[in-house]
Amino acid sequence: MSAVIDPPEPEAPALPSIGVWWPMLETSLQLEILEHPTSPLRPVVVRRIFELCELVPRPVPRSGVRLGPNERAYLAGWVHAVDWI
């Protein structure tokens, strides 16, 4: 009996904890994310996040990087707390 194991799909680079980079992110990029929180982040935004966290940037897949449900919940709480929008 033999089994064929498919190679794993390349994973999107995991973003650092949103609590670290969100407060440091430029307002224009914050607004861009808040306008479309479920859309893939532009590669320039992902690179900026890695720069802010002093991490080596990884290639961004064509499908993009999206915020997860926990990150979107953080943003919802942040917007509510600062009454920003």
PDB file of N, CA and C in Angstrom:
ATOM      1  N   MET A   1       0.846  -1.161   0.000  1.00  0.00           N
ATOM      2  CA  MET A   1       0.000   0.000   0.000  1.00  0.00           C
ATOM      3  C   MET A   1       0.898   1.234   0.000  1.00  0.00           C
ATOM      4  N   SER A   2       0.590   2.170  -0.863  1.00  0.00           N
ATOM      5  CA  SER A   2       1.387   3.398  -0.895  1.00  0.00           C
ATOM      6  C   SER A   2       0.457   4.592  -0.770  1.00  0.00           C
ATOM      7  N   ALA A   3       0.997   5.644  -0.286  1.00  0.00           N
ATOM      8  CA  ALA A   3       0.224   6.865  -0.123  1.00  0.00           C
ATOM      9  C   ALA A   3       1.002   8.005  -0.767  1.00  0.00           C
ATOM     10  N   VAL A   4       0.276   8.849  -1.429  1.00  0.00           N
ATOM     11  CA  VAL A   4       0.889  10.018  -2.029  1.00  0.00           C
ATOM     12  C   VAL A   4       0.564  11.207  -1.129  1.00  0.00           C
ATOM     13  N   ILE A   5       1.600  11.874  -0.739  1.00  0.00           N
ATOM     14  CA  ILE A   5       1.395  13.037   0.112  1.00  0.00           C
ATOM     15  C   ILE A   5       1.637  14.276  -0.727  1.00  0.00           C
ATOM     16  N   ASP A   6       0.621  15.101  -0.795  1.00  0.00           N
ATOM     17  CA  ASP A   6       0.757  16.335  -1.541  1.00  0.00           C
ATOM     18  C   ASP A   6       1.635  17.301  -0.761  1.00  0.00           C
ATOM     19  N   PRO A   7       2.444  18.062  -1.484  1.00  0.00           N
ATOM     20  CA  PRO A   7       3.236  19.056  -0.768  1.00  0.00           C
ATOM     21  C   PRO A   7       2.310  20.096  -0.153  1.00  0.00           C
ATOM     22  N   PRO A   8       2.689  20.606   0.997  1.00  0.00           N
ATOM     23  CA  PRO A   8       1.805  21.588   1.636  1.00  0.00           C
ATOM     24  C   PRO A   8       1.688  22.848   0.801  1.00  0.00           C
ATOM     25  N   GLU A   9       0.514  23.439   0.872  1.00  0.00           N
ATOM     26  CA  GLU A   9       0.292  24.714   0.184  1.00  0.00           C
ATOM     27  C   GLU A   9       1.143  25.784   0.853  1.00  0.00           C
ATOM     28  N   PRO A  10       1.724  26.677   0.076  1.00  0.00           N
ATOM     29  CA  PRO A  10       2.472  27.750   0.723  1.00  0.00           C
ATOM     30  C   PRO A  10       1.527  28.617   1.546  1.00  0.00           C
ATOM     31  N   GLU A  11       1.898  28.835   2.784  1.00  0.00           N
ATOM     32  CA  GLU A  11       1.038  29.606   3.674  1.00  0.00           C
ATOM     33  C   GLU A  11       1.319  31.089   3.524  1.00  0.00           C
ATOM     34  N   ALA A  12       0.283  31.860   3.729  1.00  0.00           N
ATOM     35  CA  ALA A  12       0.457  33.305   3.749  1.00  0.00           C
ATOM     36  C   ALA A  12       1.293  33.652   4.972  1.00  0.00           C
ATOM     37  N   PRO A  13       2.130  34.659   4.849  1.00  0.00           N
ATOM     38  CA  PRO A  13       2.935  35.003   6.015  1.00  0.00           C
ATOM     39  C   PRO A  13       2.034  35.435   7.159  1.00  0.00           C
ATOM     40  N   ALA A  14       2.287  34.840   8.307  1.00  0.00           N
ATOM     41  CA  ALA A  14       1.495  35.207   9.482  1.00  0.00           C
ATOM     42  C   ALA A  14       1.920  36.596   9.937  1.00  0.00           C
ATOM     43  N   LEU A  15       0.951  37.423  10.188  1.00  0.00           N
ATOM     44  CA  LEU A  15       1.260  38.769  10.668  1.00  0.00           C
ATOM     45  C   LEU A  15       1.614  38.712  12.148  1.00  0.00           C
ATOM     46  N   PRO A  16       2.478  39.604  12.587  1.00  0.00           N
ATOM     47  CA  PRO A  16       2.741  39.705  14.024  1.00  0.00           C
ATOM     48  C   PRO A  16       1.464  40.117  14.750  1.00  0.00           C
ATOM     49  N   SER A  17       1.498  40.061  16.035  1.00  0.00           N
ATOM     50  CA  SER A  17       0.330  40.431  16.839  1.00  0.00           C
ATOM     51  C   SER A  17      -0.123  41.849  16.502  1.00  0.00           C
ATOM     52  N   ILE A  18      -1.412  41.991  16.235  1.00  0.00           N
ATOM     53  CA  ILE A  18      -1.955  43.285  15.817  1.00  0.00           C
ATOM     54  C   ILE A  18      -1.789  44.354  16.899  1.00  0.00           C
ATOM     55  N   GLY A  19      -1.756  43.944  18.162  1.00  0.00           N
ATOM     56  CA  GLY A  19      -1.566  44.897  19.243  1.00  0.00           C
ATOM     57  C   GLY A  19      -0.203  45.563  19.219  1.00  0.00           C
ATOM     58  N   VAL A  20       0.742  44.955  18.525  1.00  0.00           N
ATOM     59  CA  VAL A  20       2.084  45.519  18.415  1.00  0.00           C
ATOM     60  C   VAL A  20       2.143  46.546  17.291  1.00  0.00           C
ATOM     61  N   TRP A  21       1.659  46.171  16.102  1.00  0.00           N
ATOM     62  CA  TRP A  21       1.868  47.038  14.943  1.00  0.00           C
ATOM     63  C   TRP A  21       0.758  48.052  14.707  1.00  0.00           C
ATOM     64  N   TRP A  22      -0.463  47.772  15.130  1.00  0.00           N
ATOM     65  CA  TRP A  22      -1.575  48.683  14.832  1.00  0.00           C
ATOM     66  C   TRP A  22      -1.353  50.096  15.379  1.00  0.00           C
ATOM     67  N   PRO A  23      -0.958  50.256  16.644  1.00  0.00           N
ATOM     68  CA  PRO A  23      -0.769  51.622  17.159  1.00  0.00           C
ATOM     69  C   PRO A  23       0.336  52.392  16.441  1.00  0.00           C
ATOM     70  N   MET A  24       1.303  51.696  15.851  1.00  0.00           N
ATOM     71  CA  MET A  24       2.420  52.358  15.165  1.00  0.00           C
ATOM     72  C   MET A  24       2.153  52.604  13.680  1.00  0.00           C
ATOM     73  N   LEU A  25       1.141  51.959  13.139  1.00  0.00           N
ATOM     74  CA  LEU A  25       0.860  52.065  11.705  1.00  0.00           C
ATOM     75  C   LEU A  25       0.361  53.466  11.358  1.00  0.00           C
ATOM     76  N   GLU A  26       0.803  53.972  10.226  1.00  0.00           N
ATOM     77  CA  GLU A  26       0.406  55.305   9.791  1.00  0.00           C
ATOM     78  C   GLU A  26      -1.110  55.387   9.650  1.00  0.00           C
ATOM     79  N   THR A  27      -1.648  56.562   9.948  1.00  0.00           N
ATOM     80  CA  THR A  27      -3.097  56.766   9.917  1.00  0.00           C
ATOM     81  C   THR A  27      -3.689  56.447   8.552  1.00  0.00           C
ATOM     82  N   SER A  28      -2.994  56.813   7.491  1.00  0.00           N
ATOM     83  CA  SER A  28      -3.531  56.538   6.144  1.00  0.00           C
ATOM     84  C   SER A  28      -3.673  55.036   5.898  1.00  0.00           C
ATOM     85  N   LEU A  29      -2.722  54.255   6.400  1.00  0.00           N
ATOM     86  CA  LEU A  29      -2.811  52.802   6.232  1.00  0.00           C
ATOM     87  C   LEU A  29      -3.865  52.212   7.170  1.00  0.00           C
ATOM     88  N   GLN A  30      -4.004  52.791   8.363  1.00  0.00           N
ATOM     89  CA  GLN A  30      -5.069  52.341   9.262  1.00  0.00           C
ATOM     90  C   GLN A  30      -6.435  52.550   8.614  1.00  0.00           C
ATOM     91  N   LEU A  31      -6.636  53.727   8.040  1.00  0.00           N
ATOM     92  CA  LEU A  31      -7.916  54.012   7.381  1.00  0.00           C
ATOM     93  C   LEU A  31      -8.182  53.044   6.235  1.00  0.00           C
ATOM     94  N   GLU A  32      -7.144  52.745   5.464  1.00  0.00           N
ATOM     95  CA  GLU A  32      -7.288  51.805   4.350  1.00  0.00           C
ATOM     96  C   GLU A  32      -7.755  50.441   4.852  1.00  0.00           C
ATOM     97  N   ILE A  33      -7.178  49.983   5.941  1.00  0.00           N
ATOM     98  CA  ILE A  33      -7.559  48.681   6.504  1.00  0.00           C
ATOM     99  C   ILE A  33      -8.973  48.743   7.077  1.00  0.00           C
ATOM    100  N   LEU A  34      -9.291  49.834   7.779  1.00  0.00           N
ATOM    101  CA  LEU A  34     -10.615  49.956   8.387  1.00  0.00           C
ATOM    102  C   LEU A  34     -11.733  50.051   7.353  1.00  0.00           C
ATOM    103  N   GLU A  35     -11.436  50.600   6.181  1.00  0.00           N
ATOM    104  CA  GLU A  35     -12.458  50.706   5.137  1.00  0.00           C
ATOM    105  C   GLU A  35     -12.844  49.349   4.576  1.00  0.00           C
ATOM    106  N   HIS A  36     -11.892  48.426   4.528  1.00  0.00           N
ATOM    107  CA  HIS A  36     -12.143  47.095   3.959  1.00  0.00           C
ATOM    108  C   HIS A  36     -11.419  46.042   4.796  1.00  0.00           C
ATOM    109  N   PRO A  37     -11.878  45.773   6.015  1.00  0.00           N
ATOM    110  CA  PRO A  37     -11.140  44.862   6.900  1.00  0.00           C
ATOM    111  C   PRO A  37     -11.096  43.407   6.448  1.00  0.00           C
ATOM    112  N   THR A  38     -11.992  43.012   5.538  1.00  0.00           N
ATOM    113  CA  THR A  38     -11.973  41.615   5.080  1.00  0.00           C
ATOM    114  C   THR A  38     -11.220  41.439   3.768  1.00  0.00           C
ATOM    115  N   SER A  39     -10.798  42.528   3.162  1.00  0.00           N
ATOM    116  CA  SER A  39     -10.059  42.463   1.898  1.00  0.00           C
ATOM    117  C   SER A  39      -8.602  42.098   2.159  1.00  0.00           C
ATOM    118  N   PRO A  40      -7.947  41.531   1.154  1.00  0.00           N
ATOM    119  CA  PRO A  40      -6.512  41.261   1.318  1.00  0.00           C
ATOM    120  C   PRO A  40      -5.750  42.575   1.494  1.00  0.00           C
ATOM    121  N   LEU A  41      -4.743  42.542   2.340  1.00  0.00           N
ATOM    122  CA  LEU A  41      -3.904  43.709   2.544  1.00  0.00           C
ATOM    123  C   LEU A  41      -2.968  43.873   1.346  1.00  0.00           C
ATOM    124  N   ARG A  42      -2.741  45.108   0.956  1.00  0.00           N
ATOM    125  CA  ARG A  42      -1.795  45.343  -0.136  1.00  0.00           C
ATOM    126  C   ARG A  42      -0.393  44.932   0.325  1.00  0.00           C
ATOM    127  N   PRO A  43       0.437  44.454  -0.600  1.00  0.00           N
ATOM    128  CA  PRO A  43       1.799  44.043  -0.220  1.00  0.00           C
ATOM    129  C   PRO A  43       2.587  45.144   0.497  1.00  0.00           C
ATOM    130  N   VAL A  44       2.390  46.398   0.099  1.00  0.00           N
ATOM    131  CA  VAL A  44       3.112  47.492   0.757  1.00  0.00           C
ATOM    132  C   VAL A  44       2.703  47.610   2.226  1.00  0.00           C
ATOM    133  N   VAL A  45       1.452  47.321   2.532  1.00  0.00           N
ATOM    134  CA  VAL A  45       0.977  47.372   3.918  1.00  0.00           C
ATOM    135  C   VAL A  45       1.611  46.242   4.723  1.00  0.00           C
ATOM    136  N   VAL A  46       1.642  45.043   4.144  1.00  0.00           N
ATOM    137  CA  VAL A  46       2.246  43.894   4.829  1.00  0.00           C
ATOM    138  C   VAL A  46       3.725  44.159   5.092  1.00  0.00           C
ATOM    139  N   ARG A  47       4.424  44.704   4.091  1.00  0.00           N
ATOM    140  CA  ARG A  47       5.849  45.027   4.279  1.00  0.00           C
ATOM    141  C   ARG A  47       6.032  46.049   5.393  1.00  0.00           C
ATOM    142  N   ARG A  48       5.153  47.055   5.442  1.00  0.00           N
ATOM    143  CA  ARG A  48       5.257  48.084   6.477  1.00  0.00           C
ATOM    144  C   ARG A  48       5.031  47.490   7.865  1.00  0.00           C
ATOM    145  N   ILE A  49       4.099  46.560   7.981  1.00  0.00           N
ATOM    146  CA  ILE A  49       3.849  45.893   9.261  1.00  0.00           C
ATOM    147  C   ILE A  49       5.108  45.163   9.728  1.00  0.00           C
ATOM    148  N   PHE A  50       5.747  44.438   8.813  1.00  0.00           N
ATOM    149  CA  PHE A  50       6.971  43.726   9.170  1.00  0.00           C
ATOM    150  C   PHE A  50       8.088  44.702   9.537  1.00  0.00           C
ATOM    151  N   GLU A  51       8.163  45.832   8.835  1.00  0.00           N
ATOM    152  CA  GLU A  51       9.173  46.844   9.175  1.00  0.00           C
ATOM    153  C   GLU A  51       8.940  47.394  10.579  1.00  0.00           C
ATOM    154  N   LEU A  52       7.699  47.708  10.906  1.00  0.00           N
ATOM    155  CA  LEU A  52       7.382  48.255  12.220  1.00  0.00           C
ATOM    156  C   LEU A  52       7.754  47.286  13.345  1.00  0.00           C
ATOM    157  N   CYS A  53       7.624  46.000  13.073  1.00  0.00           N
ATOM    158  CA  CYS A  53       7.931  44.980  14.071  1.00  0.00           C
ATOM    159  C   CYS A  53       9.381  44.520  13.989  1.00  0.00           C
ATOM    160  N   GLU A  54      10.149  45.162  13.119  1.00  0.00           N
ATOM    161  CA  GLU A  54      11.560  44.851  12.918  1.00  0.00           C
ATOM    162  C   GLU A  54      11.774  43.380  12.567  1.00  0.00           C
ATOM    163  N   LEU A  55      10.917  42.869  11.685  1.00  0.00           N
ATOM    164  CA  LEU A  55      11.022  41.496  11.207  1.00  0.00           C
ATOM    165  C   LEU A  55      11.442  41.497   9.749  1.00  0.00           C
ATOM    166  N   VAL A  56      12.062  40.426   9.329  1.00  0.00           N
ATOM    167  CA  VAL A  56      12.451  40.284   7.933  1.00  0.00           C
ATOM    168  C   VAL A  56      11.186  40.019   7.133  1.00  0.00           C
ATOM    169  N   PRO A  57      10.898  40.863   6.133  1.00  0.00           N
ATOM    170  CA  PRO A  57       9.680  40.639   5.344  1.00  0.00           C
ATOM    171  C   PRO A  57       9.757  39.337   4.549  1.00  0.00           C
ATOM    172  N   ARG A  58       8.629  38.692   4.416  1.00  0.00           N
ATOM    173  CA  ARG A  58       8.528  37.459   3.628  1.00  0.00           C
ATOM    174  C   ARG A  58       7.734  37.764   2.372  1.00  0.00           C
ATOM    175  N   PRO A  59       7.928  36.963   1.345  1.00  0.00           N
ATOM    176  CA  PRO A  59       7.135  37.202   0.127  1.00  0.00           C
ATOM    177  C   PRO A  59       5.640  37.103   0.416  1.00  0.00           C
ATOM    178  N   VAL A  60       4.892  38.009  -0.175  1.00  0.00           N
ATOM    179  CA  VAL A  60       3.438  38.016  -0.001  1.00  0.00           C
ATOM    180  C   VAL A  60       2.827  37.210  -1.145  1.00  0.00           C
ATOM    181  N   PRO A  61       2.012  36.208  -0.834  1.00  0.00           N
ATOM    182  CA  PRO A  61       1.400  35.411  -1.905  1.00  0.00           C
ATOM    183  C   PRO A  61       0.453  36.247  -2.753  1.00  0.00           C
ATOM    184  N   ARG A  62       0.229  35.791  -3.979  1.00  0.00           N
ATOM    185  CA  ARG A  62      -0.670  36.517  -4.888  1.00  0.00           C
ATOM    186  C   ARG A  62      -2.069  36.675  -4.312  1.00  0.00           C
ATOM    187  N   SER A  63      -2.484  35.704  -3.525  1.00  0.00           N
ATOM    188  CA  SER A  63      -3.829  35.776  -2.938  1.00  0.00           C
ATOM    189  C   SER A  63      -3.892  36.815  -1.823  1.00  0.00           C
ATOM    190  N   GLY A  64      -2.745  37.311  -1.393  1.00  0.00           N
ATOM    191  CA  GLY A  64      -2.715  38.349  -0.377  1.00  0.00           C
ATOM    192  C   GLY A  64      -2.774  37.801   1.030  1.00  0.00           C
ATOM    193  N   VAL A  65      -2.702  38.711   1.960  1.00  0.00           N
ATOM    194  CA  VAL A  65      -2.788  38.382   3.383  1.00  0.00           C
ATOM    195  C   VAL A  65      -4.032  39.082   3.914  1.00  0.00           C
ATOM    196  N   ARG A  66      -4.832  38.341   4.621  1.00  0.00           N
ATOM    197  CA  ARG A  66      -6.065  38.909   5.184  1.00  0.00           C
ATOM    198  C   ARG A  66      -5.983  38.894   6.708  1.00  0.00           C
ATOM    199  N   LEU A  67      -6.692  39.831   7.302  1.00  0.00           N
ATOM    200  CA  LEU A  67      -6.809  39.827   8.753  1.00  0.00           C
ATOM    201  C   LEU A  67      -7.735  38.696   9.162  1.00  0.00           C
ATOM    202  N   GLY A  68      -7.389  38.031  10.235  1.00  0.00           N
ATOM    203  CA  GLY A  68      -8.219  36.953  10.752  1.00  0.00           C
ATOM    204  C   GLY A  68      -9.352  37.507  11.599  1.00  0.00           C
ATOM    205  N   PRO A  69     -10.238  36.647  12.049  1.00  0.00           N
ATOM    206  CA  PRO A  69     -11.368  37.109  12.862  1.00  0.00           C
ATOM    207  C   PRO A  69     -10.930  37.781  14.162  1.00  0.00           C
ATOM    208  N   ASN A  70      -9.860  37.300  14.779  1.00  0.00           N
ATOM    209  CA  ASN A  70      -9.397  37.920  16.021  1.00  0.00           C
ATOM    210  C   ASN A  70      -8.838  39.318  15.758  1.00  0.00           C
ATOM    211  N   GLU A  71      -8.154  39.479  14.649  1.00  0.00           N
ATOM    212  CA  GLU A  71      -7.612  40.797  14.305  1.00  0.00           C
ATOM    213  C   GLU A  71      -8.735  41.778  13.975  1.00  0.00           C
ATOM    214  N   ARG A  72      -9.754  41.295  13.273  1.00  0.00           N
ATOM    215  CA  ARG A  72     -10.895  42.171  12.969  1.00  0.00           C
ATOM    216  C   ARG A  72     -11.648  42.535  14.241  1.00  0.00           C
ATOM    217  N   ALA A  73     -11.727  41.609  15.188  1.00  0.00           N
ATOM    218  CA  ALA A  73     -12.366  41.910  16.473  1.00  0.00           C
ATOM    219  C   ALA A  73     -11.558  42.956  17.240  1.00  0.00           C
ATOM    220  N   TYR A  74     -10.240  42.864  17.170  1.00  0.00           N
ATOM    221  CA  TYR A  74      -9.382  43.868  17.811  1.00  0.00           C
ATOM    222  C   TYR A  74      -9.687  45.240  17.229  1.00  0.00           C
ATOM    223  N   LEU A  75      -9.783  45.312  15.898  1.00  0.00           N
ATOM    224  CA  LEU A  75     -10.069  46.594  15.246  1.00  0.00           C
ATOM    225  C   LEU A  75     -11.439  47.131  15.648  1.00  0.00           C
ATOM    226  N   ALA A  76     -12.422  46.260  15.732  1.00  0.00           N
ATOM    227  CA  ALA A  76     -13.765  46.702  16.121  1.00  0.00           C
ATOM    228  C   ALA A  76     -13.737  47.278  17.539  1.00  0.00           C
ATOM    229  N   GLY A  77     -13.018  46.613  18.428  1.00  0.00           N
ATOM    230  CA  GLY A  77     -12.900  47.121  19.786  1.00  0.00           C
ATOM    231  C   GLY A  77     -12.119  48.416  19.845  1.00  0.00           C
ATOM    232  N   TRP A  78     -11.077  48.514  19.037  1.00  0.00           N
ATOM    233  CA  TRP A  78     -10.255  49.725  19.008  1.00  0.00           C
ATOM    234  C   TRP A  78     -11.068  50.911  18.496  1.00  0.00           C
ATOM    235  N   VAL A  79     -11.810  50.707  17.424  1.00  0.00           N
ATOM    236  CA  VAL A  79     -12.634  51.784  16.864  1.00  0.00           C
ATOM    237  C   VAL A  79     -13.674  52.219  17.888  1.00  0.00           C
ATOM    238  N   HIS A  80     -14.271  51.255  18.562  1.00  0.00           N
ATOM    239  CA  HIS A  80     -15.284  51.586  19.573  1.00  0.00           C
ATOM    240  C   HIS A  80     -14.651  52.356  20.742  1.00  0.00           C
ATOM    241  N   ALA A  81     -13.462  51.922  21.166  1.00  0.00           N
ATOM    242  CA  ALA A  81     -12.815  52.547  22.316  1.00  0.00           C
ATOM    243  C   ALA A  81     -12.375  53.971  22.039  1.00  0.00           C
ATOM    244  N   VAL A  82     -11.903  54.224  20.815  1.00  0.00           N
ATOM    245  CA  VAL A  82     -11.421  55.579  20.512  1.00  0.00           C
ATOM    246  C   VAL A  82     -12.480  56.390  19.786  1.00  0.00           C
ATOM    247  N   ASP A  83     -13.601  55.752  19.423  1.00  0.00           N
ATOM    248  CA  ASP A  83     -14.675  56.439  18.710  1.00  0.00           C
ATOM    249  C   ASP A  83     -14.113  57.205  17.528  1.00  0.00           C
ATOM    250  N   TRP A  84     -13.378  56.476  16.694  1.00  0.00           N
ATOM    251  CA  TRP A  84     -12.578  57.093  15.642  1.00  0.00           C
ATOM    252  C   TRP A  84     -13.344  57.334  14.353  1.00  0.00           C
ATOM    253  N   ILE A  85     -14.230  56.426  14.026  1.00  0.00           N
ATOM    254  CA  ILE A  85     -14.928  56.552  12.737  1.00  0.00           C
ATOM    255  C   ILE A  85     -16.309  57.129  12.922  1.00  0.00           C
TER     256      ILE A  85
END
